[in-house]
Amino acid sequence: MTIKELKQKEEYSWYCNAVKERVLEEIADTNCFDEWGFAYVSFGDNIGVEYNLCIDNTTSENINCSAIYRTDYNEEEDCIETDTSTFVHYEIDFNNPKWKEKLENAMCEALIKFFEL
């Protein structure tokens, strides 16, 4: 399945409520910015991916540990769980005016890869 095909499916859902200015301000004001659930892509109720934006400012290098993680529905617990062992590193370029679109597409690629859609 292609990204375009995925986005056209009724089961497809994308969420990112991030405001660039707020995020950049918070990253600059803290030693470690770590926001799980920064963005989500889901396909139906049972599978998806979650973006964790994580910047470690404790060194001069500002290490970016951000990644896209697989999520699955846990029937026993009746909740969505993040699989922290299945991920792909992804860094947002906030200087790119299309950063949200690029993030969404990267998350779609990860979803397709993780679930072999």
N, C-alpha and C. Protein backbone atom coordinates (compact mmCIF):
# COMPACT_ATOMS: atom_id res chain seq x y z
N MET A 1 0.84 -1.17 0.00
CA MET A 1 0.00 0.00 0.00
C MET A 1 0.90 1.25 0.00
N THR A 2 0.49 2.26 -0.74
CA THR A 2 1.23 3.52 -0.78
C THR A 2 0.67 4.48 0.27
N ILE A 3 1.42 5.54 0.52
CA ILE A 3 0.96 6.56 1.46
C ILE A 3 -0.35 7.17 0.96
N LYS A 4 -0.41 7.47 -0.30
CA LYS A 4 -1.62 8.06 -0.88
C LYS A 4 -2.82 7.13 -0.70
N GLU A 5 -2.63 5.85 -0.97
CA GLU A 5 -3.72 4.88 -0.81
C GLU A 5 -4.15 4.79 0.66
N LEU A 6 -3.17 4.78 1.57
CA LEU A 6 -3.47 4.71 2.99
C LEU A 6 -4.33 5.89 3.43
N LYS A 7 -3.94 7.09 3.02
CA LYS A 7 -4.65 8.29 3.43
C LYS A 7 -6.08 8.34 2.89
N GLN A 8 -6.34 7.63 1.82
CA GLN A 8 -7.68 7.63 1.23
C GLN A 8 -8.62 6.62 1.88
N LYS A 9 -8.09 5.75 2.72
CA LYS A 9 -8.91 4.73 3.38
C LYS A 9 -9.77 5.38 4.48
N GLU A 10 -10.97 4.89 4.62
CA GLU A 10 -11.90 5.38 5.64
C GLU A 10 -11.35 5.17 7.05
N GLU A 11 -10.56 4.10 7.24
CA GLU A 11 -10.03 3.76 8.56
C GLU A 11 -8.85 4.64 8.97
N TYR A 12 -8.35 5.47 8.05
CA TYR A 12 -7.16 6.29 8.29
C TYR A 12 -7.49 7.50 9.16
N SER A 13 -6.59 7.78 10.10
CA SER A 13 -6.74 8.95 10.95
C SER A 13 -5.37 9.52 11.30
N TRP A 14 -5.25 10.84 11.30
CA TRP A 14 -4.01 11.55 11.60
C TRP A 14 -4.31 12.62 12.64
N TYR A 15 -3.41 12.78 13.62
CA TYR A 15 -3.59 13.79 14.64
C TYR A 15 -2.24 14.39 15.01
N CYS A 16 -2.17 15.71 14.96
CA CYS A 16 -1.00 16.44 15.47
C CYS A 16 -1.49 17.83 15.86
N ASN A 17 -1.49 18.10 17.13
CA ASN A 17 -2.01 19.36 17.62
C ASN A 17 -0.88 20.30 18.02
N ALA A 18 0.28 20.08 17.50
CA ALA A 18 1.46 20.85 17.90
C ALA A 18 1.49 22.22 17.23
N VAL A 19 1.86 23.22 17.99
CA VAL A 19 2.08 24.56 17.47
C VAL A 19 3.59 24.79 17.52
N LYS A 20 4.17 25.01 16.36
CA LYS A 20 5.63 25.12 16.22
C LYS A 20 6.25 26.06 17.24
N GLU A 21 5.71 27.25 17.39
CA GLU A 21 6.29 28.25 18.28
C GLU A 21 6.31 27.75 19.73
N ARG A 22 5.22 27.12 20.18
CA ARG A 22 5.14 26.61 21.55
C ARG A 22 6.19 25.52 21.76
N VAL A 23 6.28 24.62 20.81
CA VAL A 23 7.22 23.51 20.92
C VAL A 23 8.66 24.02 20.98
N LEU A 24 9.02 24.92 20.08
CA LEU A 24 10.39 25.44 20.07
C LEU A 24 10.71 26.19 21.36
N GLU A 25 9.74 26.92 21.88
CA GLU A 25 9.94 27.64 23.14
C GLU A 25 10.14 26.65 24.29
N GLU A 26 9.33 25.61 24.34
CA GLU A 26 9.46 24.62 25.41
C GLU A 26 10.77 23.85 25.31
N ILE A 27 11.19 23.52 24.10
CA ILE A 27 12.46 22.82 23.91
C ILE A 27 13.61 23.68 24.42
N ALA A 28 13.57 24.98 24.12
CA ALA A 28 14.64 25.89 24.52
C ALA A 28 14.67 26.12 26.04
N ASP A 29 13.50 25.99 26.69
CA ASP A 29 13.39 26.30 28.12
C ASP A 29 13.60 25.11 29.05
N THR A 30 13.97 23.97 28.52
CA THR A 30 14.10 22.79 29.38
C THR A 30 15.36 22.01 29.04
N ASN A 31 15.85 21.24 29.99
CA ASN A 31 17.03 20.40 29.73
C ASN A 31 16.69 19.20 28.86
N CYS A 32 15.48 18.67 29.03
CA CYS A 32 15.07 17.52 28.23
C CYS A 32 13.59 17.64 27.90
N PHE A 33 13.29 17.83 26.64
CA PHE A 33 11.91 17.90 26.18
C PHE A 33 11.52 16.51 25.70
N ASP A 34 10.50 15.93 26.31
CA ASP A 34 10.09 14.56 25.99
C ASP A 34 8.57 14.49 25.96
N GLU A 35 7.99 14.54 24.77
CA GLU A 35 6.54 14.56 24.63
C GLU A 35 6.05 13.35 23.83
N TRP A 36 5.54 12.36 24.58
CA TRP A 36 4.88 11.22 23.95
C TRP A 36 3.52 11.68 23.43
N GLY A 37 3.08 11.07 22.36
CA GLY A 37 1.78 11.45 21.79
C GLY A 37 1.83 12.78 21.07
N PHE A 38 2.99 13.17 20.61
CA PHE A 38 3.13 14.41 19.86
C PHE A 38 2.27 14.35 18.60
N ALA A 39 2.20 13.16 17.99
CA ALA A 39 1.37 12.95 16.80
C ALA A 39 1.00 11.47 16.73
N TYR A 40 -0.14 11.20 16.09
CA TYR A 40 -0.62 9.83 15.90
C TYR A 40 -1.10 9.62 14.48
N VAL A 41 -0.88 8.43 13.98
CA VAL A 41 -1.55 7.94 12.78
C VAL A 41 -2.15 6.60 13.17
N SER A 42 -3.42 6.43 12.88
CA SER A 42 -4.04 5.15 13.16
C SER A 42 -4.75 4.63 11.92
N PHE A 43 -4.89 3.33 11.88
CA PHE A 43 -5.59 2.65 10.80
C PHE A 43 -6.59 1.73 11.47
N GLY A 44 -7.82 2.21 11.56
CA GLY A 44 -8.83 1.47 12.30
C GLY A 44 -8.61 1.67 13.79
N ASP A 45 -9.22 0.81 14.57
CA ASP A 45 -9.15 0.93 16.03
C ASP A 45 -8.00 0.17 16.66
N ASN A 46 -7.32 -0.69 15.89
CA ASN A 46 -6.37 -1.62 16.51
C ASN A 46 -4.90 -1.37 16.23
N ILE A 47 -4.56 -0.63 15.17
CA ILE A 47 -3.15 -0.45 14.85
C ILE A 47 -2.84 1.01 14.55
N GLY A 48 -1.59 1.37 14.78
CA GLY A 48 -1.18 2.73 14.48
C GLY A 48 0.28 2.98 14.82
N VAL A 49 0.66 4.24 14.79
CA VAL A 49 1.99 4.68 15.18
C VAL A 49 1.87 5.98 15.97
N GLU A 50 2.84 6.19 16.85
CA GLU A 50 2.87 7.37 17.71
C GLU A 50 4.23 8.03 17.57
N TYR A 51 4.25 9.36 17.55
CA TYR A 51 5.51 10.09 17.47
C TYR A 51 5.89 10.62 18.85
N ASN A 52 7.10 10.32 19.26
CA ASN A 52 7.65 10.85 20.50
C ASN A 52 8.72 11.86 20.13
N LEU A 53 8.50 13.12 20.51
CA LEU A 53 9.48 14.17 20.28
C LEU A 53 10.34 14.28 21.54
N CYS A 54 11.62 13.97 21.39
CA CYS A 54 12.51 13.93 22.56
C CYS A 54 13.84 14.58 22.20
N ILE A 55 14.11 15.72 22.85
CA ILE A 55 15.36 16.45 22.64
C ILE A 55 16.08 16.57 23.98
N ASP A 56 17.31 16.10 24.04
CA ASP A 56 18.11 16.19 25.25
C ASP A 56 19.06 17.38 25.11
N ASN A 57 18.78 18.43 25.89
CA ASN A 57 19.59 19.66 25.83
C ASN A 57 20.68 19.69 26.90
N THR A 58 20.97 18.57 27.52
CA THR A 58 21.96 18.56 28.61
C THR A 58 23.40 18.57 28.10
N THR A 59 23.58 18.39 26.80
CA THR A 59 24.92 18.47 26.22
C THR A 59 24.93 19.58 25.17
N SER A 60 26.08 19.96 24.73
CA SER A 60 26.18 21.02 23.71
C SER A 60 25.66 20.55 22.35
N GLU A 61 25.48 19.24 22.21
CA GLU A 61 25.05 18.69 20.92
C GLU A 61 23.54 18.65 20.75
N ASN A 62 22.74 18.88 21.82
CA ASN A 62 21.28 18.79 21.75
C ASN A 62 20.85 17.51 21.02
N ILE A 63 21.00 16.40 21.69
CA ILE A 63 20.75 15.08 21.10
C ILE A 63 19.27 14.88 20.84
N ASN A 64 18.95 14.50 19.60
CA ASN A 64 17.57 14.26 19.20
C ASN A 64 17.30 12.75 19.25
N CYS A 65 16.45 12.35 20.19
CA CYS A 65 16.10 10.93 20.37
C CYS A 65 14.69 10.65 19.87
N SER A 66 14.13 11.53 19.07
CA SER A 66 12.76 11.40 18.60
C SER A 66 12.59 10.19 17.70
N ALA A 67 11.38 9.60 17.75
CA ALA A 67 11.12 8.41 16.93
C ALA A 67 9.63 8.18 16.74
N ILE A 68 9.33 7.37 15.75
CA ILE A 68 7.96 6.91 15.47
C ILE A 68 7.87 5.48 15.98
N TYR A 69 6.89 5.22 16.84
CA TYR A 69 6.73 3.92 17.48
C TYR A 69 5.45 3.23 17.04
N ARG A 70 5.50 1.92 16.97
CA ARG A 70 4.34 1.09 16.67
C ARG A 70 3.38 1.10 17.86
N THR A 71 2.08 1.13 17.59
CA THR A 71 1.07 0.99 18.63
C THR A 71 0.08 -0.10 18.23
N ASP A 72 -0.37 -0.84 19.24
CA ASP A 72 -1.33 -1.93 19.03
C ASP A 72 -2.41 -1.87 20.09
N TYR A 73 -3.57 -2.40 19.76
CA TYR A 73 -4.67 -2.49 20.72
C TYR A 73 -4.47 -3.74 21.59
N ASN A 74 -4.52 -3.57 22.92
CA ASN A 74 -4.42 -4.67 23.86
C ASN A 74 -5.84 -5.02 24.30
N GLU A 75 -6.34 -6.16 23.84
CA GLU A 75 -7.71 -6.55 24.15
C GLU A 75 -7.92 -6.80 25.64
N GLU A 76 -6.95 -7.43 26.30
CA GLU A 76 -7.09 -7.73 27.73
C GLU A 76 -7.21 -6.47 28.57
N GLU A 77 -6.42 -5.45 28.24
CA GLU A 77 -6.42 -4.20 29.00
C GLU A 77 -7.38 -3.16 28.41
N ASP A 78 -7.90 -3.42 27.21
CA ASP A 78 -8.80 -2.52 26.50
C ASP A 78 -8.17 -1.13 26.33
N CYS A 79 -6.94 -1.13 25.78
CA CYS A 79 -6.26 0.14 25.55
C CYS A 79 -5.24 -0.01 24.43
N ILE A 80 -4.80 1.13 23.93
CA ILE A 80 -3.73 1.16 22.93
C ILE A 80 -2.40 1.19 23.67
N GLU A 81 -1.46 0.34 23.25
CA GLU A 81 -0.15 0.28 23.88
C GLU A 81 0.94 0.62 22.86
N THR A 82 1.95 1.33 23.32
CA THR A 82 3.09 1.67 22.48
C THR A 82 4.16 0.60 22.63
N ASP A 83 4.59 0.07 21.50
CA ASP A 83 5.65 -0.94 21.47
C ASP A 83 6.99 -0.20 21.35
N THR A 84 7.66 -0.01 22.47
CA THR A 84 8.91 0.76 22.46
C THR A 84 10.08 0.03 21.84
N SER A 85 9.88 -1.24 21.47
CA SER A 85 10.96 -1.98 20.81
C SER A 85 10.85 -1.92 19.28
N THR A 86 9.74 -1.37 18.76
CA THR A 86 9.55 -1.26 17.32
C THR A 86 9.40 0.22 16.97
N PHE A 87 10.45 0.78 16.38
CA PHE A 87 10.45 2.21 16.10
C PHE A 87 11.39 2.53 14.94
N VAL A 88 11.25 3.74 14.44
CA VAL A 88 12.17 4.30 13.46
C VAL A 88 12.47 5.73 13.88
N HIS A 89 13.76 6.08 13.90
CA HIS A 89 14.16 7.43 14.28
C HIS A 89 13.65 8.43 13.25
N TYR A 90 13.12 9.54 13.72
CA TYR A 90 12.67 10.60 12.81
C TYR A 90 12.82 11.95 13.51
N GLU A 91 13.49 12.89 12.83
CA GLU A 91 13.68 14.23 13.36
C GLU A 91 12.88 15.23 12.54
N ILE A 92 12.10 16.04 13.23
CA ILE A 92 11.32 17.09 12.57
C ILE A 92 12.26 18.27 12.27
N ASP A 93 12.12 18.80 11.06
CA ASP A 93 12.83 20.02 10.68
C ASP A 93 11.82 21.16 10.77
N PHE A 94 11.78 21.84 11.92
CA PHE A 94 10.81 22.90 12.12
C PHE A 94 11.04 24.11 11.22
N ASN A 95 12.20 24.17 10.54
CA ASN A 95 12.45 25.25 9.59
C ASN A 95 11.73 25.03 8.26
N ASN A 96 11.32 23.80 8.02
CA ASN A 96 10.59 23.49 6.80
C ASN A 96 9.11 23.83 7.01
N PRO A 97 8.53 24.70 6.19
CA PRO A 97 7.12 25.07 6.37
C PRO A 97 6.16 23.88 6.22
N LYS A 98 6.62 22.80 5.63
CA LYS A 98 5.77 21.61 5.46
C LYS A 98 6.13 20.52 6.46
N TRP A 99 6.63 20.90 7.64
CA TRP A 99 7.09 19.91 8.62
C TRP A 99 5.98 18.96 9.05
N LYS A 100 4.75 19.46 9.18
CA LYS A 100 3.66 18.58 9.60
C LYS A 100 3.35 17.54 8.52
N GLU A 101 3.32 17.98 7.27
CA GLU A 101 3.06 17.07 6.16
C GLU A 101 4.16 16.01 6.06
N LYS A 102 5.40 16.43 6.22
CA LYS A 102 6.53 15.49 6.17
C LYS A 102 6.46 14.49 7.33
N LEU A 103 6.10 14.98 8.52
CA LEU A 103 5.93 14.09 9.68
C LEU A 103 4.82 13.08 9.42
N GLU A 104 3.69 13.55 8.94
CA GLU A 104 2.57 12.65 8.65
C GLU A 104 2.98 11.58 7.64
N ASN A 105 3.68 11.96 6.59
CA ASN A 105 4.11 11.00 5.57
C ASN A 105 5.11 9.99 6.15
N ALA A 106 6.03 10.45 6.99
CA ALA A 106 6.99 9.54 7.62
C ALA A 106 6.26 8.55 8.52
N MET A 107 5.24 9.04 9.22
CA MET A 107 4.47 8.16 10.09
C MET A 107 3.68 7.14 9.27
N CYS A 108 3.16 7.56 8.13
CA CYS A 108 2.46 6.63 7.24
C CYS A 108 3.41 5.55 6.73
N GLU A 109 4.62 5.95 6.35
CA GLU A 109 5.63 4.98 5.90
C GLU A 109 5.92 3.98 7.00
N ALA A 110 6.05 4.44 8.23
CA ALA A 110 6.32 3.54 9.34
C ALA A 110 5.15 2.58 9.58
N LEU A 111 3.94 3.09 9.53
CA LEU A 111 2.76 2.26 9.70
C LEU A 111 2.72 1.14 8.66
N ILE A 112 2.94 1.51 7.42
CA ILE A 112 2.94 0.54 6.32
C ILE A 112 4.03 -0.50 6.55
N LYS A 113 5.20 -0.06 6.96
CA LYS A 113 6.33 -0.98 7.21
C LYS A 113 6.06 -1.88 8.41
N PHE A 114 5.66 -1.30 9.54
CA PHE A 114 5.47 -2.07 10.78
C PHE A 114 4.38 -3.13 10.64
N PHE A 115 3.33 -2.82 9.90
CA PHE A 115 2.19 -3.74 9.80
C PHE A 115 2.07 -4.41 8.44
N GLU A 116 3.08 -4.19 7.59
CA GLU A 116 3.14 -4.81 6.26
C GLU A 116 1.83 -4.62 5.50
N LEU A 117 1.38 -3.36 5.45
CA LEU A 117 0.13 -3.02 4.75
C LEU A 117 0.35 -2.94 3.26
